[in-house]
Amino acid sequence: MTDTPNVLWIMADQLRFDYLSCYGHPHLNTPHIDALAARGVRFTNTYVQSPVCGPSRMSAYTGRYVRSHGSTWNGIPLRVGEPTLGDHLRDVGARAVLVGKTHMIADLDGMAWLGIDPKSEIGVRVSECGFEAFERDDGLHPDSVAQKWSAYDDYLVSLGYVSDNPWEDFANSGVDPDGKLMSAWLLKNSRLPANVPEEHSETAYLTNRAMAFMEEAISDDKPWLCHLSYIKPHWPYIVPAPYHDMYGPEHIVDPIRSLAEKETDHPLLRAYQQARVCRTFSQDHVREHVIPAYMGLIKQLDDNLGRLFAWMDAKGLTENTIIAFTSDHGDYMGDHWMGDKDFYHDSAVKVPLVIADPRPVANVTRGTTSDALIEMIDLAPTFMGVMGCAPKPHIVEGRDLMSILHGKDGFSRRFVISEHDYSSFEMARALNVSQENARTVMIFDGRWKYIRCEGFRPILFDLESDPHEFIDLGASDIAVHVQVRKDMEQALLSWATQHHSRITATPEILACQDNATEVGILIGFWDEDDYETVAGKPFSSLLPVGAPASRKNSS
């Protein structure tokens, strides 16, 4: 044990906020996540900084908005020199360890420009988003840019699951009654059991690897943050037995959508609805195939977390470990006639967040909920504060959540921000939108959700009167809607023009900006008396030793 608490930061990939029983799902029982909420705080208004994996995670790992760190979509590297949570924690002697996915792409060109060997200690750290990679597994196809082969592939091969692509052929495929391998990339195969036993699935494997790290760290005298980043329930949607048939059509909640939404006159919304993944998920038979598998993946995740939490209890780790559970974005699942993520309805951009602090100071909030507006970038400064980092508001744009967790005043936020670069999507090609204009930004103040669409009119939802976000008020000529749009556009402008690039400023540099007079940089003083009145010390104290006295009277 260390005096500083450890942090276990659990992130599921593509998990909707409303697919947990503690968030109100009527059929999906998640007792272990619910139990975590019962001993912590459940946040009900948490929003990610982008509704897509890579930029959302880069914001979480830097504590900075997408416009600030520049990694606007999957495959766009986080630039060399962008400070991360791991860098900040390392400065105070803590470890930041990765078990699972980051979706990080290394800035190889930047490292080459600076003469950094990617295989060096610094190069490896930069390539892993500042984390110490105990186990990096992005769960991607081996032909992807980020990861050709993983330790999980080696693990499967060691158990006899041998192929050129074990991840796909076993963990992410099923077998039909005739013994034919059926890829889970095809949604029609989602109801098949995965071609691997549950105990050897990705979710179980990463749970085991997290326990392996914590077992190893027990004898270490350094506090640690372990980012346990699960790959599921992200697609391919397939889950091992017995989870593959736990749920059926009777457990599927109705889609959140209206016929009026299909008649939108907004070109960008219409282009989203016409994208392949959205057309596919708008079909009921697709939802009936995929959602039971999605629910099974979440149930499997909860069961593995139960296994992990019980192990931590037995090892005595729970009493000194802050546990945070969240997701990097949601999943439309046919809501609003859309699929996957990539836009700003709550189905995609709102996520679960549960934080349990075992320290007595948090007793006052156990089992409570908070409806404060939270951003994913708030986690980095929260974890930094726990581990003794001084605040760095000139770098980190998120806000420390400890005042909420400890039942104190001090946290406030007027609105949340999310951004999306759709330049590589079907929508940009269909609308002939150039790369520099294929950008949308959402601002949400708890009632009004305003979406700025470069080149098109804005989109506006009133979640007070329209909680399901069915009615687009972006073209309404009602006076209140006109005024809200003006106010939200002004709020976006204020946010966009704030300082966000002073990441090279150190406390020493910032302090020097305030003490120019003390170091002899005299601007605007008329004479010696003027200086002495302001500085409270004689002008002669600025003169070099042995300087002629006559200089005292010179101007």
Protein backbone atom coordinates (compact mmCIF):
# COMPACT_ATOMS: atom_id res chain seq x y z
CA MET A 1 0.00 0.00 0.00
CA THR A 2 1.08 3.57 -0.67
CA ASP A 3 -0.16 6.72 1.08
CA THR A 4 -1.39 7.93 -2.29
CA PRO A 5 -4.37 5.90 -3.54
CA ASN A 6 -4.06 3.91 -6.72
CA VAL A 7 -6.48 4.41 -9.60
CA LEU A 8 -8.13 1.74 -11.71
CA TRP A 9 -9.58 3.48 -14.75
CA ILE A 10 -11.88 1.11 -16.63
CA MET A 11 -13.07 2.06 -20.09
CA ALA A 12 -15.41 0.01 -22.23
CA ASP A 13 -15.45 0.69 -25.96
CA GLN A 14 -18.71 1.81 -27.60
CA LEU A 15 -20.85 1.25 -24.49
CA ARG A 16 -24.08 3.27 -24.40
CA PHE A 17 -24.91 5.05 -21.15
CA ASP A 18 -28.37 3.48 -20.99
CA TYR A 19 -27.33 -0.17 -21.42
CA LEU A 20 -26.61 -0.75 -17.72
CA SER A 21 -29.19 -1.55 -15.07
CA CYS A 22 -27.97 1.30 -12.84
CA TYR A 23 -28.77 3.64 -15.74
CA GLY A 24 -32.23 2.21 -16.21
CA HIS A 25 -32.07 -0.60 -18.78
CA PRO A 26 -35.16 -2.76 -18.14
CA HIS A 27 -33.66 -6.14 -19.09
CA LEU A 28 -29.86 -5.96 -18.89
CA ASN A 29 -28.79 -6.68 -15.31
CA THR A 30 -25.28 -5.45 -14.46
CA PRO A 31 -24.96 -6.05 -10.69
CA HIS A 32 -21.22 -5.49 -10.40
CA ILE A 33 -21.22 -2.08 -12.09
CA ASP A 34 -24.34 -1.29 -10.06
CA ALA A 35 -22.47 -2.24 -6.87
CA LEU A 36 -19.64 0.10 -7.87
CA ALA A 37 -22.21 2.89 -8.25
CA ALA A 38 -23.62 2.04 -4.82
CA ARG A 39 -20.26 2.79 -3.22
CA GLY A 40 -19.45 5.79 -5.36
CA VAL A 41 -21.05 8.51 -7.47
CA ARG A 42 -22.98 7.85 -10.66
CA PHE A 43 -22.80 10.77 -13.10
CA THR A 44 -25.82 11.23 -15.36
CA ASN A 45 -24.59 13.93 -17.76
CA THR A 46 -21.16 12.86 -18.99
CA TYR A 47 -20.19 13.73 -22.57
CA VAL A 48 -17.21 12.74 -24.68
CA GLN A 49 -15.17 15.23 -26.68
CA SER A 50 -15.76 13.34 -29.92
CA PRO A 51 -18.22 10.57 -30.81
CA VAL A 52 -15.48 8.39 -32.33
CA CYS A 53 -12.80 6.24 -30.67
CA GLY A 54 -9.46 7.89 -31.47
CA PRO A 55 -10.13 11.58 -30.82
CA SER A 56 -12.32 10.78 -27.82
CA ARG A 57 -9.52 8.80 -26.24
CA MET A 58 -6.85 11.35 -27.10
CA SER A 59 -8.95 13.94 -25.27
CA ALA A 60 -9.31 11.61 -22.29
CA TYR A 61 -5.56 10.93 -22.19
CA THR A 62 -4.52 14.58 -22.54
CA GLY A 63 -7.36 16.31 -20.68
CA ARG A 64 -7.70 18.55 -23.74
CA TYR A 65 -10.28 19.26 -26.41
CA VAL A 66 -9.90 17.85 -29.91
CA ARG A 67 -9.28 21.33 -31.34
CA SER A 68 -6.35 21.56 -28.91
CA HIS A 69 -4.55 18.23 -29.35
CA GLY A 70 -5.24 17.93 -33.10
CA SER A 71 -5.91 14.18 -33.36
CA THR A 72 -9.27 14.66 -35.04
CA TRP A 73 -10.02 11.14 -36.24
CA ASN A 74 -8.86 7.52 -36.02
CA GLY A 75 -5.43 7.13 -37.59
CA ILE A 76 -4.40 10.75 -37.09
CA PRO A 77 -1.43 10.66 -34.70
CA LEU A 78 -1.24 12.51 -31.44
CA ARG A 79 1.64 14.86 -32.16
CA VAL A 80 4.99 14.51 -30.44
CA GLY A 81 5.18 16.88 -27.50
CA GLU A 82 1.49 16.80 -26.61
CA PRO A 83 1.50 16.22 -22.81
CA THR A 84 -0.48 13.22 -21.60
CA LEU A 85 -1.77 11.94 -18.30
CA GLY A 86 1.14 9.50 -18.17
CA ASP A 87 3.63 12.33 -18.53
CA HIS A 88 2.02 14.32 -15.72
CA LEU A 89 1.89 11.32 -13.36
CA ARG A 90 5.47 10.36 -14.12
CA ASP A 91 6.56 13.81 -12.95
CA VAL A 92 5.28 13.02 -9.44
CA GLY A 93 6.69 9.48 -9.27
CA ALA A 94 3.51 7.57 -10.17
CA ARG A 95 3.07 4.92 -12.84
CA ALA A 96 0.50 5.16 -15.63
CA VAL A 97 0.00 1.64 -16.98
CA LEU A 98 -2.03 0.46 -19.95
CA VAL A 99 -3.87 -2.85 -20.17
CA GLY A 100 -5.89 -2.91 -23.39
CA LYS A 101 -6.81 -0.38 -26.03
CA THR A 102 -5.78 3.24 -26.68
CA HIS A 103 -6.33 3.61 -30.45
CA MET A 104 -3.13 5.66 -30.34
CA ILE A 105 -1.23 6.17 -33.59
CA ALA A 106 2.41 7.14 -33.14
CA ASP A 107 3.65 10.37 -34.71
CA LEU A 108 6.50 8.69 -36.60
CA ASP A 109 7.08 11.69 -38.86
CA GLY A 110 7.32 13.97 -35.85
CA MET A 111 9.77 11.64 -34.13
CA ALA A 112 11.89 11.41 -37.30
CA TRP A 113 11.93 15.20 -37.59
CA LEU A 114 13.18 15.46 -33.99
CA GLY A 115 15.62 12.57 -34.31
CA ILE A 116 13.79 10.34 -31.82
CA ASP A 117 14.22 6.61 -32.30
CA PRO A 118 10.72 5.03 -32.02
CA LYS A 119 12.35 2.08 -30.23
CA SER A 120 14.05 4.26 -27.62
CA GLU A 121 12.59 4.77 -24.16
CA ILE A 122 11.21 8.17 -25.15
CA GLY A 123 10.02 6.88 -28.52
CA VAL A 124 8.14 3.97 -26.99
CA ARG A 125 6.53 6.23 -24.42
CA VAL A 126 5.43 8.69 -27.10
CA SER A 127 4.09 5.82 -29.21
CA GLU A 128 1.99 4.51 -26.31
CA CYS A 129 0.28 7.83 -25.52
CA GLY A 130 2.43 8.31 -22.43
CA PHE A 131 1.43 4.99 -20.88
CA GLU A 132 3.68 2.20 -19.75
CA ALA A 133 2.23 -0.54 -21.93
CA PHE A 134 1.86 -3.63 -19.76
CA GLU A 135 -0.45 -5.03 -22.45
CA ARG A 136 -1.41 -3.05 -25.57
CA ASP A 137 -4.31 -4.59 -27.43
CA ASP A 138 -6.44 -2.43 -29.71
CA GLY A 139 -8.52 -5.37 -30.86
CA LEU A 140 -8.07 -4.42 -34.49
CA HIS A 141 -7.81 -6.49 -37.61
CA PRO A 142 -4.17 -7.57 -38.12
CA ASP A 143 -4.07 -5.70 -41.42
CA SER A 144 -4.71 -2.41 -39.65
CA VAL A 145 -2.12 0.33 -39.45
CA ALA A 146 -2.00 0.36 -35.67
CA GLN A 147 -1.47 -3.29 -34.85
CA LYS A 148 -0.48 -6.23 -37.02
CA TRP A 149 -0.29 -8.90 -34.31
CA SER A 150 -0.92 -8.76 -30.60
CA ALA A 151 0.03 -10.67 -27.48
CA TYR A 152 -3.56 -11.87 -27.46
CA ASP A 153 -2.94 -13.54 -30.82
CA ASP A 154 0.09 -15.25 -29.28
CA TYR A 155 -2.05 -16.30 -26.34
CA LEU A 156 -4.63 -17.91 -28.62
CA VAL A 157 -1.94 -19.70 -30.62
CA SER A 158 -0.40 -21.03 -27.39
CA LEU A 159 -3.76 -22.64 -26.61
CA GLY A 160 -3.99 -24.29 -30.01
CA TYR A 161 -6.12 -21.69 -31.76
CA VAL A 162 -3.80 -21.44 -34.73
CA SER A 163 -4.41 -19.43 -37.90
CA ASP A 164 -2.99 -16.48 -39.79
CA ASN A 165 -5.49 -14.30 -37.96
CA PRO A 166 -6.48 -15.80 -34.59
CA TRP A 167 -8.19 -12.61 -33.44
CA GLU A 168 -10.67 -12.78 -36.31
CA ASP A 169 -10.96 -16.55 -36.84
CA PHE A 170 -11.61 -17.41 -33.19
CA ALA A 171 -12.48 -14.42 -30.99
CA ASN A 172 -14.47 -12.62 -33.68
CA SER A 173 -16.03 -15.37 -35.78
CA GLY A 174 -18.58 -18.07 -35.21
CA VAL A 175 -19.17 -21.52 -36.68
CA ASP A 176 -22.40 -22.53 -38.40
CA PRO A 177 -24.06 -25.95 -37.91
CA ASP A 178 -22.05 -27.31 -40.84
CA GLY A 179 -18.76 -26.31 -39.25
CA LYS A 180 -18.16 -23.38 -41.60
CA LEU A 181 -16.34 -20.37 -40.20
CA MET A 182 -18.63 -17.30 -40.20
CA SER A 183 -17.08 -13.86 -39.80
CA ALA A 184 -18.66 -11.52 -37.26
CA TRP A 185 -17.87 -8.61 -39.55
CA LEU A 186 -21.13 -9.67 -41.21
CA LEU A 187 -23.95 -8.64 -38.90
CA LYS A 188 -26.06 -11.65 -39.87
CA ASN A 189 -23.63 -13.79 -37.83
CA SER A 190 -23.93 -11.81 -34.60
CA ARG A 191 -26.16 -14.41 -32.90
CA LEU A 192 -23.62 -17.21 -33.29
CA PRO A 193 -21.41 -18.01 -30.28
CA ALA A 194 -17.84 -16.80 -30.75
CA ASN A 195 -15.43 -19.50 -31.84
CA VAL A 196 -13.55 -19.43 -28.52
CA PRO A 197 -14.52 -20.33 -24.94
CA GLU A 198 -15.48 -17.42 -22.72
CA GLU A 199 -12.42 -17.85 -20.52
CA HIS A 200 -10.19 -17.22 -23.53
CA SER A 201 -12.14 -14.30 -25.00
CA GLU A 202 -10.71 -10.78 -25.24
CA THR A 203 -12.72 -9.56 -22.26
CA ALA A 204 -11.60 -12.39 -19.99
CA TYR A 205 -8.02 -12.13 -21.24
CA LEU A 206 -7.72 -8.41 -20.50
CA THR A 207 -9.27 -8.94 -17.07
CA ASN A 208 -6.59 -11.53 -16.34
CA ARG A 209 -3.86 -9.20 -17.57
CA ALA A 210 -5.08 -6.40 -15.29
CA MET A 211 -4.87 -8.76 -12.34
CA ALA A 212 -1.37 -9.78 -13.45
CA PHE A 213 -0.27 -6.16 -13.43
CA MET A 214 -1.79 -5.44 -10.02
CA GLU A 215 -0.24 -8.60 -8.58
CA GLU A 216 3.14 -7.44 -9.83
CA ALA A 217 2.61 -3.91 -8.50
CA ILE A 218 1.72 -5.02 -4.96
CA SER A 219 5.41 -5.09 -4.03
CA ASP A 220 6.12 -1.77 -5.76
CA ASP A 221 6.37 1.38 -3.65
CA LYS A 222 5.03 3.61 -6.42
CA PRO A 223 1.36 4.53 -6.68
CA TRP A 224 -0.16 3.53 -10.00
CA LEU A 225 -2.94 4.28 -12.39
CA CYS A 226 -4.00 1.24 -14.40
CA HIS A 227 -6.03 2.03 -17.50
CA LEU A 228 -7.97 -1.18 -18.11
CA SER A 229 -9.37 -0.48 -21.55
CA TYR A 230 -11.72 -3.19 -22.80
CA ILE A 231 -12.26 -3.68 -26.53
CA LYS A 232 -15.90 -4.75 -26.24
CA PRO A 233 -18.81 -4.21 -26.72
CA HIS A 234 -17.38 -2.53 -29.84
CA TRP A 235 -18.02 -4.34 -33.12
CA PRO A 236 -17.57 -7.02 -34.42
CA TYR A 237 -20.67 -7.86 -32.40
CA ILE A 238 -20.16 -11.46 -31.32
CA VAL A 239 -19.88 -12.98 -27.84
CA PRO A 240 -18.94 -16.46 -26.54
CA ALA A 241 -21.39 -18.92 -25.03
CA PRO A 242 -23.30 -18.76 -22.78
CA TYR A 243 -23.76 -15.04 -23.41
CA HIS A 244 -24.69 -15.37 -27.08
CA ASP A 245 -28.27 -16.47 -26.39
CA MET A 246 -29.00 -14.87 -23.01
CA TYR A 247 -31.09 -12.21 -24.72
CA GLY A 248 -33.62 -12.28 -27.50
CA PRO A 249 -36.03 -9.98 -29.37
CA GLU A 250 -38.19 -9.68 -26.26
CA HIS A 251 -35.33 -7.91 -24.47
CA ILE A 252 -34.77 -5.28 -27.16
CA VAL A 253 -36.01 -1.83 -26.25
CA ASP A 254 -37.75 0.12 -28.98
CA PRO A 255 -35.53 2.38 -31.07
CA ILE A 256 -35.52 6.08 -30.22
CA ARG A 257 -36.63 7.50 -33.55
CA SER A 258 -39.53 9.17 -35.28
CA LEU A 259 -40.83 9.16 -38.83
CA ALA A 260 -40.48 12.94 -38.90
CA GLU A 261 -36.72 12.56 -38.51
CA LYS A 262 -36.54 10.75 -41.84
CA GLU A 263 -38.07 13.79 -43.50
CA THR A 264 -35.34 16.19 -42.38
CA ASP A 265 -34.43 18.98 -44.75
CA HIS A 266 -30.93 19.22 -43.29
CA PRO A 267 -28.44 18.02 -45.93
CA LEU A 268 -25.90 16.69 -43.44
CA LEU A 269 -28.39 14.80 -41.30
CA ARG A 270 -29.91 13.34 -44.45
CA ALA A 271 -26.45 12.27 -45.64
CA TYR A 272 -25.80 10.55 -42.30
CA GLN A 273 -29.06 8.63 -42.56
CA GLN A 274 -28.14 7.51 -46.09
CA ALA A 275 -24.69 6.22 -45.09
CA ARG A 276 -24.39 2.45 -45.32
CA VAL A 277 -24.11 1.71 -41.60
CA CYS A 278 -27.15 3.89 -40.86
CA ARG A 279 -29.30 2.33 -43.59
CA THR A 280 -28.37 -1.09 -42.25
CA PHE A 281 -29.14 -0.41 -38.58
CA SER A 282 -32.41 1.27 -39.47
CA GLN A 283 -33.76 -2.17 -40.36
CA ASP A 284 -35.54 -4.00 -37.54
CA HIS A 285 -34.18 -7.43 -38.43
CA VAL A 286 -30.62 -6.09 -38.11
CA ARG A 287 -31.35 -4.71 -34.65
CA GLU A 288 -32.87 -8.05 -33.68
CA HIS A 289 -29.66 -9.81 -34.66
CA VAL A 290 -27.15 -7.37 -33.22
CA ILE A 291 -28.63 -6.01 -30.01
CA PRO A 292 -28.85 -9.38 -28.18
CA ALA A 293 -25.15 -9.92 -28.94
CA TYR A 294 -24.37 -6.36 -27.81
CA MET A 295 -26.24 -7.00 -24.57
CA GLY A 296 -24.40 -10.30 -24.13
CA LEU A 297 -21.06 -8.53 -24.50
CA ILE A 298 -22.06 -6.06 -21.79
CA LYS A 299 -23.25 -8.84 -19.48
CA GLN A 300 -19.95 -10.67 -20.02
CA LEU A 301 -18.06 -7.48 -19.22
CA ASP A 302 -20.00 -7.01 -15.99
CA ASP A 303 -19.35 -10.60 -14.93
CA ASN A 304 -15.63 -10.19 -15.55
CA LEU A 305 -15.62 -6.98 -13.56
CA GLY A 306 -17.26 -8.91 -10.74
CA ARG A 307 -14.43 -11.41 -10.94
CA LEU A 308 -11.88 -8.59 -10.93
CA PHE A 309 -13.46 -6.74 -8.00
CA ALA A 310 -13.65 -9.92 -5.92
CA TRP A 311 -9.96 -10.59 -6.62
CA MET A 312 -9.09 -7.02 -5.59
CA ASP A 313 -11.06 -7.49 -2.36
CA ALA A 314 -9.13 -10.67 -1.58
CA LYS A 315 -5.80 -8.96 -2.25
CA GLY A 316 -6.65 -5.96 -0.07
CA LEU A 317 -6.44 -3.57 -3.01
CA THR A 318 -9.99 -2.21 -2.94
CA GLU A 319 -9.47 -0.16 0.20
CA ASN A 320 -6.73 1.91 -1.45
CA THR A 321 -7.90 2.08 -5.08
CA ILE A 322 -10.16 4.67 -6.67
CA ILE A 323 -12.16 2.93 -9.40
CA ALA A 324 -13.61 4.83 -12.36
CA PHE A 325 -15.78 3.17 -14.99
CA THR A 326 -16.76 4.80 -18.26
CA SER A 327 -16.88 4.47 -22.06
CA ASP A 328 -15.30 6.31 -24.98
CA HIS A 329 -18.66 6.87 -26.78
CA GLY A 330 -22.00 5.18 -27.33
CA ASP A 331 -23.67 3.30 -30.19
CA TYR A 332 -26.78 4.37 -32.13
CA MET A 333 -28.16 0.84 -32.65
CA GLY A 334 -30.79 2.21 -35.02
CA ASP A 335 -31.80 5.20 -32.91
CA HIS A 336 -32.62 8.24 -35.06
CA TRP A 337 -32.32 5.95 -38.12
CA MET A 338 -28.57 5.74 -37.56
CA GLY A 339 -25.89 3.18 -36.72
CA ASP A 340 -22.42 3.10 -35.16
CA LYS A 341 -21.65 6.54 -33.59
CA ASP A 342 -20.24 9.72 -35.24
CA PHE A 343 -22.95 12.26 -34.39
CA TYR A 344 -24.30 14.02 -31.33
CA HIS A 345 -27.52 12.44 -30.16
CA ASP A 346 -27.22 11.18 -26.58
CA SER A 347 -27.14 7.60 -27.88
CA ALA A 348 -23.65 8.30 -29.23
CA VAL A 349 -22.10 11.20 -27.36
CA LYS A 350 -23.29 10.59 -23.79
CA VAL A 351 -21.55 7.90 -21.72
CA PRO A 352 -21.79 6.26 -18.31
CA LEU A 353 -19.41 7.42 -15.60
CA VAL A 354 -19.14 5.87 -12.15
CA ILE A 355 -16.36 6.79 -9.72
CA ALA A 356 -15.85 5.14 -6.33
CA ASP A 357 -13.34 6.69 -3.94
CA PRO A 358 -12.73 4.37 -0.95
CA ARG A 359 -11.36 7.09 1.32
CA PRO A 360 -13.48 8.22 4.30
CA VAL A 361 -13.67 11.75 2.88
CA ALA A 362 -15.96 10.37 0.16
CA ASN A 363 -18.41 8.68 2.55
CA VAL A 364 -20.88 11.54 2.27
CA THR A 365 -21.56 10.86 -1.42
CA ARG A 366 -21.68 7.07 -1.55
CA GLY A 367 -24.56 5.78 -3.62
CA THR A 368 -25.51 9.22 -4.92
CA THR A 369 -25.95 10.60 -8.41
CA SER A 370 -24.72 13.85 -9.89
CA ASP A 371 -26.39 15.63 -12.79
CA ALA A 372 -23.50 18.08 -13.23
CA LEU A 373 -22.29 18.58 -16.79
CA ILE A 374 -19.16 16.45 -17.06
CA GLU A 375 -16.68 16.07 -19.90
CA MET A 376 -14.33 13.14 -20.48
CA ILE A 377 -11.40 15.56 -20.19
CA ASP A 378 -12.28 15.96 -16.49
CA LEU A 379 -10.83 12.56 -15.65
CA ALA A 380 -7.20 13.52 -16.32
CA PRO A 381 -7.09 16.43 -13.83
CA THR A 382 -9.06 14.36 -11.32
CA PHE A 383 -6.51 11.55 -11.42
CA MET A 384 -3.64 14.04 -11.43
CA GLY A 385 -4.97 15.69 -8.29
CA VAL A 386 -5.36 12.35 -6.54
CA MET A 387 -1.72 11.53 -7.22
CA GLY A 388 -0.30 14.85 -6.12
CA CYS A 389 0.14 16.74 -9.39
CA ALA A 390 -0.11 20.49 -9.13
CA PRO A 391 -2.95 21.93 -11.22
CA LYS A 392 -1.93 22.77 -14.79
CA PRO A 393 -4.77 24.88 -16.17
CA HIS A 394 -2.53 26.26 -18.91
CA ILE A 395 -2.27 22.72 -20.31
CA VAL A 396 -5.18 20.63 -19.02
CA GLU A 397 -8.60 21.92 -20.04
CA GLY A 398 -10.67 19.54 -17.92
CA ARG A 399 -11.78 20.15 -14.34
CA ASP A 400 -11.09 18.15 -11.18
CA LEU A 401 -14.16 16.18 -10.04
CA MET A 402 -13.02 15.61 -6.45
CA SER A 403 -15.22 18.37 -5.05
CA ILE A 404 -18.27 16.47 -6.33
CA LEU A 405 -16.97 13.13 -5.08
CA HIS A 406 -16.35 14.60 -1.63
CA GLY A 407 -19.62 16.52 -1.41
CA LYS A 408 -18.09 19.98 -1.57
CA ASP A 409 -18.93 23.08 -3.58
CA GLY A 410 -16.63 24.37 -6.27
CA PHE A 411 -17.38 22.48 -9.46
CA SER A 412 -19.32 24.26 -12.17
CA ARG A 413 -19.63 24.15 -15.93
CA ARG A 414 -21.93 26.07 -18.26
CA PHE A 415 -21.72 23.71 -21.21
CA VAL A 416 -19.98 20.68 -22.71
CA ILE A 417 -18.27 20.47 -26.09
CA SER A 418 -17.87 17.66 -28.61
CA GLU A 419 -16.28 17.74 -32.07
CA HIS A 420 -16.23 15.55 -35.16
CA ASP A 421 -14.15 15.47 -38.33
CA TYR A 422 -16.21 13.67 -40.98
CA SER A 423 -13.86 14.34 -43.90
CA SER A 424 -13.19 10.63 -44.49
CA PHE A 425 -16.85 9.60 -44.27
CA GLU A 426 -19.47 8.94 -46.93
CA MET A 427 -21.23 12.15 -45.92
CA ALA A 428 -18.35 14.37 -47.05
CA ARG A 429 -18.17 12.64 -50.43
CA ALA A 430 -21.94 12.71 -50.93
CA LEU A 431 -22.12 16.43 -50.17
CA ASN A 432 -18.80 17.30 -51.84
CA VAL A 433 -17.51 18.89 -48.63
CA SER A 434 -13.79 19.64 -48.52
CA GLN A 435 -11.54 18.43 -45.75
CA GLU A 436 -11.24 21.83 -44.06
CA ASN A 437 -15.03 22.23 -43.93
CA ALA A 438 -16.00 18.69 -42.91
CA ARG A 439 -16.28 19.57 -39.26
CA THR A 440 -19.12 19.79 -36.77
CA VAL A 441 -19.10 21.00 -33.16
CA MET A 442 -21.71 20.38 -30.48
CA ILE A 443 -22.31 22.62 -27.49
CA PHE A 444 -24.82 21.53 -24.83
CA ASP A 445 -25.81 23.50 -21.74
CA GLY A 446 -28.03 20.89 -20.09
CA ARG A 447 -31.11 21.93 -22.03
CA TRP A 448 -30.19 23.23 -25.46
CA LYS A 449 -28.00 21.12 -27.73
CA TYR A 450 -26.63 23.22 -30.58
CA ILE A 451 -24.64 21.66 -33.43
CA ARG A 452 -22.62 23.92 -35.69
CA CYS A 453 -22.28 22.38 -39.15
CA GLU A 454 -19.71 24.20 -41.28
CA GLY A 455 -21.33 25.19 -44.58
CA PHE A 456 -24.87 24.28 -43.47
CA ARG A 457 -27.42 25.71 -41.10
CA PRO A 458 -27.10 24.65 -37.45
CA ILE A 459 -29.09 21.93 -35.70
CA LEU A 460 -30.81 22.65 -32.39
CA PHE A 461 -32.57 20.35 -29.91
CA ASP A 462 -34.45 21.35 -26.76
CA LEU A 463 -33.98 18.40 -24.41
CA GLU A 464 -36.37 19.88 -21.89
CA SER A 465 -39.42 19.66 -24.15
CA ASP A 466 -37.95 17.02 -26.49
CA PRO A 467 -35.75 14.66 -24.43
CA HIS A 468 -35.51 12.14 -27.29
CA GLU A 469 -34.09 14.76 -29.68
CA PHE A 470 -36.69 14.27 -32.38
CA ILE A 471 -37.37 17.89 -33.34
CA ASP A 472 -34.66 19.92 -35.04
CA LEU A 473 -35.19 23.61 -34.23
CA GLY A 474 -32.22 24.79 -36.26
CA ALA A 475 -34.42 26.54 -38.81
CA SER A 476 -37.22 27.61 -36.46
CA ASP A 477 -38.17 31.29 -36.70
CA ILE A 478 -39.72 31.34 -33.21
CA ALA A 479 -38.06 34.18 -31.32
CA VAL A 480 -36.76 32.07 -28.43
CA HIS A 481 -35.14 29.60 -30.82
CA VAL A 482 -33.55 32.38 -32.84
CA GLN A 483 -32.11 33.87 -29.65
CA VAL A 484 -30.87 30.53 -28.34
CA ARG A 485 -29.03 29.91 -31.59
CA LYS A 486 -27.36 33.31 -31.33
CA ASP A 487 -26.41 32.70 -27.71
CA MET A 488 -25.00 29.25 -28.41
CA GLU A 489 -23.04 30.47 -31.42
CA GLN A 490 -21.55 33.20 -29.23
CA ALA A 491 -20.70 30.65 -26.53
CA LEU A 492 -18.93 28.53 -29.14
CA LEU A 493 -17.00 31.56 -30.31
CA SER A 494 -15.93 32.35 -26.75
CA TRP A 495 -14.79 28.77 -26.24
CA ALA A 496 -12.94 28.67 -29.57
CA THR A 497 -11.00 31.85 -28.82
CA GLN A 498 -9.81 30.82 -25.36
CA HIS A 499 -6.15 29.99 -24.79
CA HIS A 500 -5.54 26.37 -25.70
CA SER A 501 -2.01 26.04 -27.06
CA ARG A 502 0.27 27.19 -24.21
CA ILE A 503 1.43 23.67 -23.46
CA THR A 504 5.11 24.73 -23.27
CA ALA A 505 4.44 27.19 -20.46
CA THR A 506 5.96 26.03 -17.18
CA PRO A 507 5.08 27.37 -13.71
CA GLU A 508 8.43 29.15 -13.70
CA ILE A 509 7.73 30.88 -17.00
CA LEU A 510 4.25 31.89 -15.89
CA ALA A 511 5.63 33.24 -12.60
CA CYS A 512 8.15 35.39 -14.46
CA GLN A 513 5.29 37.09 -16.25
CA ASP A 514 4.17 38.48 -12.90
CA ASN A 515 7.52 39.60 -11.49
CA ALA A 516 9.14 41.60 -14.28
CA THR A 517 9.67 44.57 -11.95
CA GLU A 518 11.39 42.39 -9.36
CA VAL A 519 14.00 41.22 -11.84
CA GLY A 520 14.71 44.73 -13.09
CA ILE A 521 12.50 45.03 -16.17
CA LEU A 522 11.04 48.47 -15.57
CA ILE A 523 8.22 49.52 -17.86
CA GLY A 524 6.31 52.75 -17.37
CA PHE A 525 8.15 54.19 -14.33
CA TRP A 526 8.88 57.93 -14.39
CA ASP A 527 11.67 58.15 -11.83
CA GLU A 528 13.31 56.47 -8.82
CA ASP A 529 10.61 57.60 -6.44
CA ASP A 530 7.93 56.15 -8.69
CA TYR A 531 9.73 52.80 -8.67
CA GLU A 532 10.30 52.80 -4.92
CA THR A 533 6.62 53.53 -4.25
CA VAL A 534 5.52 50.55 -6.34
CA ALA A 535 8.28 48.06 -5.47
CA GLY A 536 8.65 48.95 -1.80
CA LYS A 537 12.44 48.90 -1.97
CA PRO A 538 15.14 51.36 -2.97
CA PHE A 539 16.05 51.78 -6.59
CA SER A 540 19.70 51.32 -5.61
CA SER A 541 18.97 47.65 -4.86
CA LEU A 542 18.76 47.09 -8.62
CA LEU A 543 22.23 48.56 -9.25
CA PRO A 544 25.23 46.26 -9.62
CA VAL A 545 27.57 46.21 -6.62
CA GLY A 546 30.10 49.01 -6.97
CA ALA A 547 28.05 51.04 -9.46
CA PRO A 548 28.65 54.82 -9.31
CA ALA A 549 26.31 56.61 -6.97
CA SER A 550 25.57 59.14 -9.67
CA ARG A 551 23.59 56.46 -11.48
CA LYS A 552 21.10 56.66 -8.64
CA ASN A 553 19.98 60.03 -9.95
CA SER A 554 20.02 59.27 -13.68
CA SER A 555 16.84 58.65 -15.62
